[in-house]
Amino acid sequence: MTPQQRAGQLVMVGIQAGSAPSAVDQVIRDARIGNVLFLGGWSSTTSVRAVSDHVQAQANSRSTGGVRFLVAADQEGGEVQQLRGPGFTRLPSALRQGTMTSAERQRLAGTVGRELKAAGVNVNLAPVADTVPAGTASSNAPIGRFGREYGTDPTTVGASVRDVVTGLHGAGVLATVKHFPGLGRIRSNTDFSATGITDAQTRRRDPYFAPFATGVGAGAGLVMVSSARYPRLDANAPAVFSPTVLTTVLRGDLGFSGVVISDDLAAVAVRSVPVGERAVRLVAAGGDIALTGRPADAATMANALAAKAAADPAFDARVRAAVTRVLALKARQGLLPGCRG
């Protein structure tokens, strides 16, 4: 791979509902972006499959070194289900799923996985492993207010996370455990606010890490990291840019060796950081894929990663290690040249 192709493997770009299949062709061609995400309210398997097939056809020796794409969607259930309409089961909220039996949850997750695979999607950005304390849901804007949590205690949440990971993987779709180290104790939504996003409670070896550890133990291929702040873990940086959170805690304490993906780096929570620097800081901290809903930002991020790697041998080593993890994940899905997905 060229340096730019390596950088492109570390960026995921959003495709908005209703976009033409060619919507991200230019950013793939120019910046060598290697991963995509469906955003908004897509309305059928047919429309999603048309785009996913078109995107995969853009993988060639010049663009991605022939490596095909991680194609992701947020298919949690309830309020957060980006793919709907014919071919997609209308899913209950995570809170409702948390009341099901283990067998029921695994069957539902298997159904979700099969539907995603039929649409050409190979990554689900679920399950949510955040625990929202009892009685606080209405004041927890990102998770509790929408019933995105499986329960109010880590044991209940962990059991659901395990079942969803197991069901998705059984259907051939990668699961993403999110939003480490947890959004259940903050007030505001990091997508829309830079205030009210500090969790002053979560500490190292926190009991609320248990559902994430369960997901890792169940074989989750990805962990998504939040852009909230956790001063008892790192007083100087949000989680998504924190070596303590990503490397010491997630990779060290929890033993996660897979792909670390950011929450949306187009979020208000990180808007004060220059676009390219967001991706650089993620990878420097131990992360692997910078996710953004903005195609223009994706090119800026990939270019910044390539430029930093060219100027800094230590950072280049970080990039190469991250690319190795991404390619190992893609190998599991048959996305490398010569593999059949």
C-alpha atoms as a PDB file:
ATOM      1  CA  MET A   1       0.000   0.000   0.000  1.00  0.00           C
ATOM      2  CA  THR A   2       1.046   3.590  -0.605  1.00  0.00           C
ATOM      3  CA  PRO A   3       1.187   6.026   2.345  1.00  0.00           C
ATOM      4  CA  GLN A   4      -2.058   7.657   1.170  1.00  0.00           C
ATOM      5  CA  GLN A   5      -3.782   4.281   0.865  1.00  0.00           C
ATOM      6  CA  ARG A   6      -2.725   3.416   4.402  1.00  0.00           C
ATOM      7  CA  ALA A   7      -4.145   6.718   5.634  1.00  0.00           C
ATOM      8  CA  GLY A   8      -7.402   6.088   3.785  1.00  0.00           C
ATOM      9  CA  GLN A   9      -7.865   2.757   5.553  1.00  0.00           C
ATOM     10  CA  LEU A  10      -8.067   4.732   8.804  1.00  0.00           C
ATOM     11  CA  VAL A  11     -11.055   6.896   7.800  1.00  0.00           C
ATOM     12  CA  MET A  12     -14.774   6.069   7.503  1.00  0.00           C
ATOM     13  CA  VAL A  13     -17.036   8.490   5.629  1.00  0.00           C
ATOM     14  CA  GLY A  14     -20.814   8.846   5.859  1.00  0.00           C
ATOM     15  CA  ILE A  15     -23.240   8.519   2.946  1.00  0.00           C
ATOM     16  CA  GLN A  16     -26.512  10.353   3.535  1.00  0.00           C
ATOM     17  CA  ALA A  17     -29.864   8.734   2.780  1.00  0.00           C
ATOM     18  CA  GLY A  18     -31.051   9.332  -0.744  1.00  0.00           C
ATOM     19  CA  SER A  19     -27.560   9.928  -2.099  1.00  0.00           C
ATOM     20  CA  ALA A  20     -26.598   8.613  -5.499  1.00  0.00           C
ATOM     21  CA  PRO A  21     -24.448   5.475  -5.459  1.00  0.00           C
ATOM     22  CA  SER A  22     -21.552   7.621  -6.709  1.00  0.00           C
ATOM     23  CA  ALA A  23     -21.814  10.148  -3.835  1.00  0.00           C
ATOM     24  CA  VAL A  24     -18.432   9.334  -2.309  1.00  0.00           C
ATOM     25  CA  ASP A  25     -16.605   8.249  -5.466  1.00  0.00           C
ATOM     26  CA  GLN A  26     -14.477  11.384  -5.534  1.00  0.00           C
ATOM     27  CA  VAL A  27     -13.302  11.188  -1.926  1.00  0.00           C
ATOM     28  CA  ILE A  28     -12.500   7.498  -2.420  1.00  0.00           C
ATOM     29  CA  ARG A  29     -10.582   8.277  -5.586  1.00  0.00           C
ATOM     30  CA  ASP A  30      -8.765  11.388  -4.329  1.00  0.00           C
ATOM     31  CA  ALA A  31      -8.111  10.543  -0.662  1.00  0.00           C
ATOM     32  CA  ARG A  32      -8.169   6.726  -0.928  1.00  0.00           C
ATOM     33  CA  ILE A  33     -10.847   6.413   1.774  1.00  0.00           C
ATOM     34  CA  GLY A  34     -11.386   2.758   2.695  1.00  0.00           C
ATOM     35  CA  ASN A  35     -14.593   2.621   4.775  1.00  0.00           C
ATOM     36  CA  VAL A  36     -18.153   3.978   4.520  1.00  0.00           C
ATOM     37  CA  LEU A  37     -21.211   4.431   6.745  1.00  0.00           C
ATOM     38  CA  PHE A  38     -24.900   4.721   5.869  1.00  0.00           C
ATOM     39  CA  LEU A  39     -26.475   7.742   7.566  1.00  0.00           C
ATOM     40  CA  GLY A  40     -30.061   8.969   7.709  1.00  0.00           C
ATOM     41  CA  GLY A  41     -33.267   7.135   6.891  1.00  0.00           C
ATOM     42  CA  TRP A  42     -32.553   4.667   4.106  1.00  0.00           C
ATOM     43  CA  SER A  43     -35.805   3.130   2.946  1.00  0.00           C
ATOM     44  CA  SER A  44     -35.164  -0.339   1.495  1.00  0.00           C
ATOM     45  CA  THR A  45     -32.702  -3.172   1.059  1.00  0.00           C
ATOM     46  CA  THR A  46     -32.647  -2.441  -2.663  1.00  0.00           C
ATOM     47  CA  SER A  47     -31.487   1.161  -2.260  1.00  0.00           C
ATOM     48  CA  VAL A  48     -28.830   0.251   0.298  1.00  0.00           C
ATOM     49  CA  ARG A  49     -27.551  -2.683  -1.750  1.00  0.00           C
ATOM     50  CA  ALA A  50     -27.212  -0.528  -4.858  1.00  0.00           C
ATOM     51  CA  VAL A  51     -24.918   1.861  -3.004  1.00  0.00           C
ATOM     52  CA  SER A  52     -22.931  -0.803  -1.168  1.00  0.00           C
ATOM     53  CA  ASP A  53     -22.314  -2.744  -4.392  1.00  0.00           C
ATOM     54  CA  HIS A  54     -21.231   0.437  -6.160  1.00  0.00           C
ATOM     55  CA  VAL A  55     -18.861   1.368  -3.334  1.00  0.00           C
ATOM     56  CA  GLN A  56     -17.270  -2.084  -3.276  1.00  0.00           C
ATOM     57  CA  ALA A  57     -16.704  -1.807  -7.020  1.00  0.00           C
ATOM     58  CA  GLN A  58     -14.494   1.245  -6.369  1.00  0.00           C
ATOM     59  CA  ALA A  59     -11.887  -0.943  -4.633  1.00  0.00           C
ATOM     60  CA  ASN A  60      -8.989  -1.232  -7.071  1.00  0.00           C
ATOM     61  CA  SER A  61      -5.213  -1.103  -7.092  1.00  0.00           C
ATOM     62  CA  ARG A  62      -5.143   2.680  -7.389  1.00  0.00           C
ATOM     63  CA  SER A  63      -7.807   3.609  -4.824  1.00  0.00           C
ATOM     64  CA  THR A  64      -7.463   1.140  -1.954  1.00  0.00           C
ATOM     65  CA  GLY A  65      -4.818  -1.302  -3.113  1.00  0.00           C
ATOM     66  CA  GLY A  66      -7.661  -3.648  -4.004  1.00  0.00           C
ATOM     67  CA  VAL A  67      -8.875  -3.850  -0.397  1.00  0.00           C
ATOM     68  CA  ARG A  68     -12.648  -3.693  -0.174  1.00  0.00           C
ATOM     69  CA  PHE A  69     -14.636  -1.568   2.227  1.00  0.00           C
ATOM     70  CA  LEU A  70     -16.024  -1.860   5.692  1.00  0.00           C
ATOM     71  CA  VAL A  71     -19.641  -0.808   5.084  1.00  0.00           C
ATOM     72  CA  ALA A  72     -21.364   0.173   8.317  1.00  0.00           C
ATOM     73  CA  ALA A  73     -24.786   1.183   9.613  1.00  0.00           C
ATOM     74  CA  ASP A  74     -26.333   2.133  12.962  1.00  0.00           C
ATOM     75  CA  GLN A  75     -28.932  -0.602  13.386  1.00  0.00           C
ATOM     76  CA  GLU A  76     -29.527  -0.546  17.152  1.00  0.00           C
ATOM     77  CA  GLY A  77     -33.328  -0.493  17.299  1.00  0.00           C
ATOM     78  CA  GLY A  78     -35.932   1.952  18.525  1.00  0.00           C
ATOM     79  CA  GLU A  79     -35.053   5.538  17.636  1.00  0.00           C
ATOM     80  CA  VAL A  80     -31.683   4.540  16.186  1.00  0.00           C
ATOM     81  CA  GLN A  81     -32.283   2.443  13.098  1.00  0.00           C
ATOM     82  CA  GLN A  82     -30.852   4.011   9.952  1.00  0.00           C
ATOM     83  CA  LEU A  83     -32.052   1.279   7.581  1.00  0.00           C
ATOM     84  CA  ARG A  84     -35.814   0.762   7.392  1.00  0.00           C
ATOM     85  CA  GLY A  85     -38.526  -0.212   4.949  1.00  0.00           C
ATOM     86  CA  PRO A  86     -38.763  -3.372   2.808  1.00  0.00           C
ATOM     87  CA  GLY A  87     -36.138  -5.897   3.806  1.00  0.00           C
ATOM     88  CA  PHE A  88     -35.506  -4.463   7.281  1.00  0.00           C
ATOM     89  CA  THR A  89     -37.367  -5.594  10.400  1.00  0.00           C
ATOM     90  CA  ARG A  90     -38.619  -2.719  12.564  1.00  0.00           C
ATOM     91  CA  LEU A  91     -36.600  -3.219  15.728  1.00  0.00           C
ATOM     92  CA  PRO A  92     -37.619  -2.619  19.347  1.00  0.00           C
ATOM     93  CA  SER A  93     -35.517  -0.283  21.452  1.00  0.00           C
ATOM     94  CA  ALA A  94     -32.500  -1.615  23.316  1.00  0.00           C
ATOM     95  CA  LEU A  95     -34.403  -1.020  26.553  1.00  0.00           C
ATOM     96  CA  ARG A  96     -37.106  -3.383  25.299  1.00  0.00           C
ATOM     97  CA  GLN A  97     -34.519  -5.861  24.022  1.00  0.00           C
ATOM     98  CA  GLY A  98     -33.036  -5.931  27.505  1.00  0.00           C
ATOM     99  CA  THR A  99     -36.253  -7.538  28.801  1.00  0.00           C
ATOM    100  CA  MET A 100     -36.121 -10.396  26.287  1.00  0.00           C
ATOM    101  CA  THR A 101     -34.673 -13.808  26.985  1.00  0.00           C
ATOM    102  CA  SER A 102     -31.131 -14.501  25.863  1.00  0.00           C
ATOM    103  CA  ALA A 103     -32.387 -16.775  23.093  1.00  0.00           C
ATOM    104  CA  GLU A 104     -34.818 -14.117  21.844  1.00  0.00           C
ATOM    105  CA  ARG A 105     -32.091 -11.478  21.748  1.00  0.00           C
ATOM    106  CA  GLN A 106     -29.707 -13.712  19.863  1.00  0.00           C
ATOM    107  CA  ARG A 107     -32.403 -14.598  17.327  1.00  0.00           C
ATOM    108  CA  LEU A 108     -33.260 -10.917  16.815  1.00  0.00           C
ATOM    109  CA  ALA A 109     -29.594  -9.988  16.400  1.00  0.00           C
ATOM    110  CA  GLY A 110     -29.212 -12.832  13.925  1.00  0.00           C
ATOM    111  CA  THR A 111     -32.139 -11.460  11.930  1.00  0.00           C
ATOM    112  CA  VAL A 112     -30.570  -8.003  11.956  1.00  0.00           C
ATOM    113  CA  GLY A 113     -27.273  -9.453  10.784  1.00  0.00           C
ATOM    114  CA  ARG A 114     -28.816 -11.412   7.929  1.00  0.00           C
ATOM    115  CA  GLU A 115     -30.753  -8.350   6.765  1.00  0.00           C
ATOM    116  CA  LEU A 116     -27.634  -6.189   6.882  1.00  0.00           C
ATOM    117  CA  LYS A 117     -25.595  -8.772   5.002  1.00  0.00           C
ATOM    118  CA  ALA A 118     -28.295  -9.002   2.324  1.00  0.00           C
ATOM    119  CA  ALA A 119     -27.988  -5.232   1.893  1.00  0.00           C
ATOM    120  CA  GLY A 120     -24.206  -5.365   1.566  1.00  0.00           C
ATOM    121  CA  VAL A 121     -23.518  -4.034   5.068  1.00  0.00           C
ATOM    122  CA  ASN A 122     -20.764  -5.868   6.949  1.00  0.00           C
ATOM    123  CA  VAL A 123     -20.506  -3.798  10.165  1.00  0.00           C
ATOM    124  CA  ASN A 124     -23.240  -2.890  12.633  1.00  0.00           C
ATOM    125  CA  LEU A 125     -22.376   0.048  14.891  1.00  0.00           C
ATOM    126  CA  ALA A 126     -24.105  -1.732  17.773  1.00  0.00           C
ATOM    127  CA  PRO A 127     -24.604  -2.850  20.514  1.00  0.00           C
ATOM    128  CA  VAL A 128     -24.652   0.041  22.988  1.00  0.00           C
ATOM    129  CA  ALA A 129     -22.773  -1.036  26.129  1.00  0.00           C
ATOM    130  CA  ASP A 130     -23.477   2.148  28.093  1.00  0.00           C
ATOM    131  CA  THR A 131     -25.159   1.755  31.480  1.00  0.00           C
ATOM    132  CA  VAL A 132     -27.576   4.525  32.467  1.00  0.00           C
ATOM    133  CA  PRO A 133     -28.107   4.605  36.254  1.00  0.00           C
ATOM    134  CA  ALA A 134     -31.677   3.991  37.427  1.00  0.00           C
ATOM    135  CA  GLY A 135     -33.786   7.130  37.589  1.00  0.00           C
ATOM    136  CA  THR A 136     -31.505   9.210  35.363  1.00  0.00           C
ATOM    137  CA  ALA A 137     -32.671   8.289  31.856  1.00  0.00           C
ATOM    138  CA  SER A 138     -34.572  11.518  31.203  1.00  0.00           C
ATOM    139  CA  SER A 139     -31.508  13.621  32.026  1.00  0.00           C
ATOM    140  CA  ASN A 140     -29.132  11.514  29.929  1.00  0.00           C
ATOM    141  CA  ALA A 141     -29.512  13.054  26.475  1.00  0.00           C
ATOM    142  CA  PRO A 142     -27.471  10.680  24.296  1.00  0.00           C
ATOM    143  CA  ILE A 143     -28.668   7.306  25.604  1.00  0.00           C
ATOM    144  CA  GLY A 144     -31.348   7.203  28.296  1.00  0.00           C
ATOM    145  CA  ARG A 145     -33.656   9.746  26.716  1.00  0.00           C
ATOM    146  CA  PHE A 146     -34.022   7.460  23.681  1.00  0.00           C
ATOM    147  CA  GLY A 147     -34.046   4.081  25.432  1.00  0.00           C
ATOM    148  CA  ARG A 148     -30.753   3.102  23.807  1.00  0.00           C
ATOM    149  CA  GLU A 149     -29.521   1.315  26.945  1.00  0.00           C
ATOM    150  CA  TYR A 150     -30.294  -2.356  27.641  1.00  0.00           C
ATOM    151  CA  GLY A 151     -30.766  -1.747  31.350  1.00  0.00           C
ATOM    152  CA  THR A 152     -29.724   0.154  34.449  1.00  0.00           C
ATOM    153  CA  ASP A 153     -27.043  -2.167  35.796  1.00  0.00           C
ATOM    154  CA  PRO A 154     -23.866  -3.489  34.159  1.00  0.00           C
ATOM    155  CA  THR A 155     -24.850  -7.140  34.562  1.00  0.00           C
ATOM    156  CA  THR A 156     -28.094  -6.752  32.606  1.00  0.00           C
ATOM    157  CA  VAL A 157     -26.401  -4.607  29.981  1.00  0.00           C
ATOM    158  CA  GLY A 158     -23.514  -7.046  29.632  1.00  0.00           C
ATOM    159  CA  ALA A 159     -25.798 -10.025  29.049  1.00  0.00           C
ATOM    160  CA  SER A 160     -27.581  -8.168  26.249  1.00  0.00           C
ATOM    161  CA  VAL A 161     -24.318  -7.003  24.706  1.00  0.00           C
ATOM    162  CA  ARG A 162     -23.030 -10.580  24.632  1.00  0.00           C
ATOM    163  CA  ASP A 163     -26.196 -11.829  22.942  1.00  0.00           C
ATOM    164  CA  VAL A 164     -26.190  -9.119  20.287  1.00  0.00           C
ATOM    165  CA  VAL A 165     -22.517  -9.632  19.465  1.00  0.00           C
ATOM    166  CA  THR A 166     -23.087 -13.389  19.250  1.00  0.00           C
ATOM    167  CA  GLY A 167     -26.149 -13.056  17.019  1.00  0.00           C
ATOM    168  CA  LEU A 168     -24.554 -10.566  14.636  1.00  0.00           C
ATOM    169  CA  HIS A 169     -21.356 -12.559  14.286  1.00  0.00           C
ATOM    170  CA  GLY A 170     -23.344 -15.724  13.653  1.00  0.00           C
ATOM    171  CA  ALA A 171     -24.900 -13.966  10.670  1.00  0.00           C
ATOM    172  CA  GLY A 172     -21.518 -12.843   9.353  1.00  0.00           C
ATOM    173  CA  VAL A 173     -21.700  -9.178  10.385  1.00  0.00           C
ATOM    174  CA  LEU A 174     -19.180  -7.462  12.658  1.00  0.00           C
ATOM    175  CA  ALA A 175     -20.420  -5.962  15.925  1.00  0.00           C
ATOM    176  CA  THR A 176     -19.233  -2.667  17.392  1.00  0.00           C
ATOM    177  CA  VAL A 177     -19.420  -2.229  21.166  1.00  0.00           C
ATOM    178  CA  LYS A 178     -19.988   1.427  22.031  1.00  0.00           C
ATOM    179  CA  HIS A 179     -19.442   4.139  23.438  1.00  0.00           C
ATOM    180  CA  PHE A 180     -16.367   3.416  25.571  1.00  0.00           C
ATOM    181  CA  PRO A 181     -15.804   4.341  28.374  1.00  0.00           C
ATOM    182  CA  GLY A 182     -19.556   5.032  28.574  1.00  0.00           C
ATOM    183  CA  LEU A 183     -22.098   7.790  27.917  1.00  0.00           C
ATOM    184  CA  GLY A 184     -24.541   6.787  30.654  1.00  0.00           C
ATOM    185  CA  ARG A 185     -23.395   9.358  33.216  1.00  0.00           C
ATOM    186  CA  ILE A 186     -23.319  12.537  31.131  1.00  0.00           C
ATOM    187  CA  ARG A 187     -26.100  15.068  30.533  1.00  0.00           C
ATOM    188  CA  SER A 188     -25.661  16.406  27.011  1.00  0.00           C
ATOM    189  CA  ASN A 189     -25.251  14.795  23.608  1.00  0.00           C
ATOM    190  CA  THR A 190     -21.707  15.079  22.256  1.00  0.00           C
ATOM    191  CA  ASP A 191     -23.097  15.348  18.720  1.00  0.00           C
ATOM    192  CA  PHE A 192     -24.696  18.689  19.526  1.00  0.00           C
ATOM    193  CA  SER A 193     -22.916  20.136  22.568  1.00  0.00           C
ATOM    194  CA  ALA A 194     -19.447  20.823  23.945  1.00  0.00           C
ATOM    195  CA  THR A 195     -20.830  21.401  27.455  1.00  0.00           C
ATOM    196  CA  GLY A 196     -22.493  18.954  29.829  1.00  0.00           C
ATOM    197  CA  ILE A 197     -20.341  16.146  28.431  1.00  0.00           C
ATOM    198  CA  THR A 198     -18.057  15.575  31.423  1.00  0.00           C
ATOM    199  CA  ASP A 199     -18.397  12.353  33.413  1.00  0.00           C
ATOM    200  CA  ALA A 200     -16.796  13.060  36.783  1.00  0.00           C
ATOM    201  CA  GLN A 201     -17.482   9.562  38.165  1.00  0.00           C
ATOM    202  CA  THR A 202     -16.011   6.993  35.785  1.00  0.00           C
ATOM    203  CA  ARG A 203     -12.630   5.795  36.979  1.00  0.00           C
ATOM    204  CA  ARG A 204     -10.115   3.147  36.047  1.00  0.00           C
ATOM    205  CA  ARG A 205     -11.544  -0.371  36.471  1.00  0.00           C
ATOM    206  CA  ASP A 206     -15.004   1.126  36.838  1.00  0.00           C
ATOM    207  CA  PRO A 207     -17.849  -1.408  37.274  1.00  0.00           C
ATOM    208  CA  TYR A 208     -19.560   0.215  34.281  1.00  0.00           C
ATOM    209  CA  PHE A 209     -16.749  -1.149  32.092  1.00  0.00           C
ATOM    210  CA  ALA A 210     -18.113  -4.673  32.571  1.00  0.00           C
ATOM    211  CA  PRO A 211     -20.465  -4.660  29.538  1.00  0.00           C
ATOM    212  CA  PHE A 212     -17.597  -3.498  27.328  1.00  0.00           C
ATOM    213  CA  ALA A 213     -15.383  -6.272  28.692  1.00  0.00           C
ATOM    214  CA  THR A 214     -18.187  -8.750  28.005  1.00  0.00           C
ATOM    215  CA  GLY A 215     -18.463  -7.544  24.413  1.00  0.00           C
ATOM    216  CA  VAL A 216     -14.713  -7.810  23.962  1.00  0.00           C
ATOM    217  CA  GLY A 217     -14.799 -11.315  25.426  1.00  0.00           C
ATOM    218  CA  ALA A 218     -17.602 -12.272  23.026  1.00  0.00           C
ATOM    219  CA  GLY A 219     -15.335 -11.366  20.122  1.00  0.00           C
ATOM    220  CA  ALA A 220     -16.538  -7.907  19.087  1.00  0.00           C
ATOM    221  CA  GLY A 221     -14.424  -6.739  16.169  1.00  0.00           C
ATOM    222  CA  LEU A 222     -14.687  -3.045  16.957  1.00  0.00           C
ATOM    223  CA  VAL A 223     -15.064  -0.761  19.956  1.00  0.00           C
ATOM    224  CA  MET A 224     -16.335   2.784  19.437  1.00  0.00           C
ATOM    225  CA  VAL A 225     -14.899   5.465  21.729  1.00  0.00           C
ATOM    226  CA  SER A 226     -16.872   8.510  22.840  1.00  0.00           C
ATOM    227  CA  SER A 227     -15.865  12.162  22.595  1.00  0.00           C
ATOM    228  CA  ALA A 228     -17.009  12.932  26.145  1.00  0.00           C
ATOM    229  CA  ARG A 229     -14.557  13.838  28.922  1.00  0.00           C
ATOM    230  CA  TYR A 230     -13.597  11.642  31.870  1.00  0.00           C
ATOM    231  CA  PRO A 231     -11.296  13.648  34.177  1.00  0.00           C
ATOM    232  CA  ARG A 232     -10.709  10.725  36.560  1.00  0.00           C
ATOM    233  CA  LEU A 233      -9.208   8.875  33.601  1.00  0.00           C
ATOM    234  CA  ASP A 234      -7.620  11.775  31.708  1.00  0.00           C
ATOM    235  CA  ALA A 235      -7.865  15.380  32.856  1.00  0.00           C
ATOM    236  CA  ASN A 236      -6.486  16.779  29.613  1.00  0.00           C
ATOM    237  CA  ALA A 237      -8.275  15.149  26.678  1.00  0.00           C
ATOM    238  CA  PRO A 238     -11.651  13.725  25.661  1.00  0.00           C
ATOM    239  CA  ALA A 239     -11.726   9.944  25.506  1.00  0.00           C
ATOM    240  CA  VAL A 240     -11.381   9.796  21.742  1.00  0.00           C
ATOM    241  CA  PHE A 241      -7.998  11.586  21.922  1.00  0.00           C
ATOM    242  CA  SER A 242      -6.765  10.029  25.165  1.00  0.00           C
ATOM    243  CA  PRO A 243      -3.844   7.551  25.232  1.00  0.00           C
ATOM    244  CA  THR A 244      -4.920   6.645  28.766  1.00  0.00           C
ATOM    245  CA  VAL A 245      -8.434   5.681  27.672  1.00  0.00           C
ATOM    246  CA  LEU A 246      -7.548   4.013  24.367  1.00  0.00           C
ATOM    247  CA  THR A 247      -4.226   2.367  25.142  1.00  0.00           C
ATOM    248  CA  THR A 248      -3.909   1.990  28.918  1.00  0.00           C
ATOM    249  CA  VAL A 249      -7.521   1.156  29.763  1.00  0.00           C
ATOM    250  CA  LEU A 250      -9.181  -0.259  26.629  1.00  0.00           C
ATOM    251  CA  ARG A 251      -6.235  -2.119  25.137  1.00  0.00           C
ATOM    252  CA  GLY A 252      -4.400  -2.745  28.415  1.00  0.00           C
ATOM    253  CA  ASP A 253      -6.950  -3.320  31.183  1.00  0.00           C
ATOM    254  CA  LEU A 254      -9.703  -4.755  28.952  1.00  0.00           C
ATOM    255  CA  GLY A 255      -7.310  -6.574  26.628  1.00  0.00           C
ATOM    256  CA  PHE A 256      -8.928  -5.350  23.415  1.00  0.00           C
ATOM    257  CA  SER A 257      -6.731  -5.985  20.379  1.00  0.00           C
ATOM    258  CA  GLY A 258      -9.252  -5.183  17.640  1.00  0.00           C
ATOM    259  CA  VAL A 259     -10.205  -1.992  15.816  1.00  0.00           C
ATOM    260  CA  VAL A 260     -10.901   1.170  17.808  1.00  0.00           C
ATOM    261  CA  ILE A 261     -13.242   3.496  15.923  1.00  0.00           C
ATOM    262  CA  SER A 262     -14.200   7.023  16.925  1.00  0.00           C
ATOM    263  CA  ASP A 263     -17.675   8.334  17.454  1.00  0.00           C
ATOM    264  CA  ASP A 264     -18.514  10.933  14.807  1.00  0.00           C
ATOM    265  CA  LEU A 265     -15.614  13.378  14.615  1.00  0.00           C
ATOM    266  CA  ALA A 266     -17.907  15.935  12.992  1.00  0.00           C
ATOM    267  CA  ALA A 267     -19.552  16.304  16.423  1.00  0.00           C
ATOM    268  CA  VAL A 268     -19.789  19.640  18.217  1.00  0.00           C
ATOM    269  CA  ALA A 269     -17.855  18.137  21.138  1.00  0.00           C
ATOM    270  CA  VAL A 270     -14.618  18.144  19.111  1.00  0.00           C
ATOM    271  CA  ARG A 271     -15.309  21.016  16.743  1.00  0.00           C
ATOM    272  CA  SER A 272     -12.661  23.218  18.385  1.00  0.00           C
ATOM    273  CA  VAL A 273      -9.986  20.804  17.121  1.00  0.00           C
ATOM    274  CA  PRO A 274      -8.933  21.309  13.469  1.00  0.00           C
ATOM    275  CA  VAL A 275     -10.440  18.637  11.226  1.00  0.00           C
ATOM    276  CA  GLY A 276      -7.233  16.893  10.218  1.00  0.00           C
ATOM    277  CA  GLU A 277      -5.865  17.046  13.739  1.00  0.00           C
ATOM    278  CA  ARG A 278      -8.878  15.069  14.985  1.00  0.00           C
ATOM    279  CA  ALA A 279      -7.780  12.006  13.019  1.00  0.00           C
ATOM    280  CA  VAL A 280      -4.122  12.507  13.922  1.00  0.00           C
ATOM    281  CA  ARG A 281      -4.893  12.727  17.636  1.00  0.00           C
ATOM    282  CA  LEU A 282      -7.110   9.623  17.487  1.00  0.00           C
ATOM    283  CA  VAL A 283      -4.393   7.503  15.891  1.00  0.00           C
ATOM    284  CA  ALA A 284      -1.660   8.950  18.115  1.00  0.00           C
ATOM    285  CA  ALA A 285      -3.711   7.888  21.149  1.00  0.00           C
ATOM    286  CA  GLY A 286      -4.043   4.307  19.894  1.00  0.00           C
ATOM    287  CA  GLY A 287      -7.188   4.490  17.752  1.00  0.00           C
ATOM    288  CA  ASP A 288      -7.646   3.060  14.276  1.00  0.00           C
ATOM    289  CA  ILE A 289     -10.586   4.526  12.314  1.00  0.00           C
ATOM    290  CA  ALA A 290     -11.687   8.166  12.329  1.00  0.00           C
ATOM    291  CA  LEU A 291     -15.405   8.289  11.541  1.00  0.00           C
ATOM    292  CA  THR A 292     -16.978  11.402  10.061  1.00  0.00           C
ATOM    293  CA  GLY A 293     -20.336  12.102   8.504  1.00  0.00           C
ATOM    294  CA  ARG A 294     -18.818  14.827   6.308  1.00  0.00           C
ATOM    295  CA  PRO A 295     -17.151  13.721   3.040  1.00  0.00           C
ATOM    296  CA  ALA A 296     -15.059  16.909   2.838  1.00  0.00           C
ATOM    297  CA  ASP A 297     -13.727  16.222   6.335  1.00  0.00           C
ATOM    298  CA  ALA A 298     -12.828  12.661   5.375  1.00  0.00           C
ATOM    299  CA  ALA A 299     -10.394  13.858   2.724  1.00  0.00           C
ATOM    300  CA  THR A 300      -8.858  16.373   5.117  1.00  0.00           C
ATOM    301  CA  MET A 301      -8.412  13.667   7.747  1.00  0.00           C
ATOM    302  CA  ALA A 302      -6.781  11.167   5.405  1.00  0.00           C
ATOM    303  CA  ASN A 303      -4.461  13.809   4.007  1.00  0.00           C
ATOM    304  CA  ALA A 304      -3.475  14.923   7.513  1.00  0.00           C
ATOM    305  CA  LEU A 305      -2.692  11.343   8.527  1.00  0.00           C
ATOM    306  CA  ALA A 306      -0.522  10.827   5.452  1.00  0.00           C
ATOM    307  CA  ALA A 307       1.316  14.126   5.973  1.00  0.00           C
ATOM    308  CA  LYS A 308       1.978  13.469   9.648  1.00  0.00           C
ATOM    309  CA  ALA A 309       3.227   9.947   8.908  1.00  0.00           C
ATOM    310  CA  ALA A 310       5.600  11.299   6.259  1.00  0.00           C
ATOM    311  CA  ALA A 311       7.060  13.817   8.722  1.00  0.00           C
ATOM    312  CA  ASP A 312       7.180  11.693  11.886  1.00  0.00           C
ATOM    313  CA  PRO A 313       8.564   8.127  11.895  1.00  0.00           C
ATOM    314  CA  ALA A 314       7.020   7.375  15.294  1.00  0.00           C
ATOM    315  CA  PHE A 315       3.591   8.401  14.026  1.00  0.00           C
ATOM    316  CA  ASP A 316       4.143   6.421  10.823  1.00  0.00           C
ATOM    317  CA  ALA A 317       4.645   3.358  13.026  1.00  0.00           C
ATOM    318  CA  ARG A 318       1.312   4.143  14.719  1.00  0.00           C
ATOM    319  CA  VAL A 319      -0.387   4.359  11.329  1.00  0.00           C
ATOM    320  CA  ARG A 320       1.094   1.071  10.182  1.00  0.00           C
ATOM    321  CA  ALA A 321      -0.019  -0.669  13.382  1.00  0.00           C
ATOM    322  CA  ALA A 322      -3.545   0.714  12.984  1.00  0.00           C
ATOM    323  CA  VAL A 323      -3.688  -0.367   9.340  1.00  0.00           C
ATOM    324  CA  THR A 324      -2.567  -3.851  10.357  1.00  0.00           C
ATOM    325  CA  ARG A 325      -5.520  -4.077  12.754  1.00  0.00           C
ATOM    326  CA  VAL A 326      -7.975  -2.774  10.143  1.00  0.00           C
ATOM    327  CA  LEU A 327      -6.728  -5.221   7.516  1.00  0.00           C
ATOM    328  CA  ALA A 328      -6.916  -8.107   9.980  1.00  0.00           C
ATOM    329  CA  LEU A 329     -10.553  -7.200  10.600  1.00  0.00           C
ATOM    330  CA  LYS A 330     -11.213  -6.985   6.877  1.00  0.00           C
ATOM    331  CA  ALA A 331      -9.585 -10.372   6.386  1.00  0.00           C
ATOM    332  CA  ARG A 332     -12.224 -11.823   8.731  1.00  0.00           C
ATOM    333  CA  GLN A 333     -14.852 -10.531   6.308  1.00  0.00           C
ATOM    334  CA  GLY A 334     -13.088 -11.701   3.150  1.00  0.00           C
ATOM    335  CA  LEU A 335     -12.380  -8.139   2.019  1.00  0.00           C
ATOM    336  CA  LEU A 336      -8.712  -8.459   1.092  1.00  0.00           C
ATOM    337  CA  PRO A 337      -7.571  -8.997  -2.515  1.00  0.00           C
ATOM    338  CA  GLY A 338      -8.042 -12.606  -3.526  1.00  0.00           C
ATOM    339  CA  CYS A 339     -10.611 -13.264  -0.786  1.00  0.00           C
ATOM    340  CA  ARG A 340     -14.286 -13.878  -1.352  1.00  0.00           C
ATOM    341  CA  GLY A 341     -16.581 -11.944   0.975  1.00  0.00           C
END
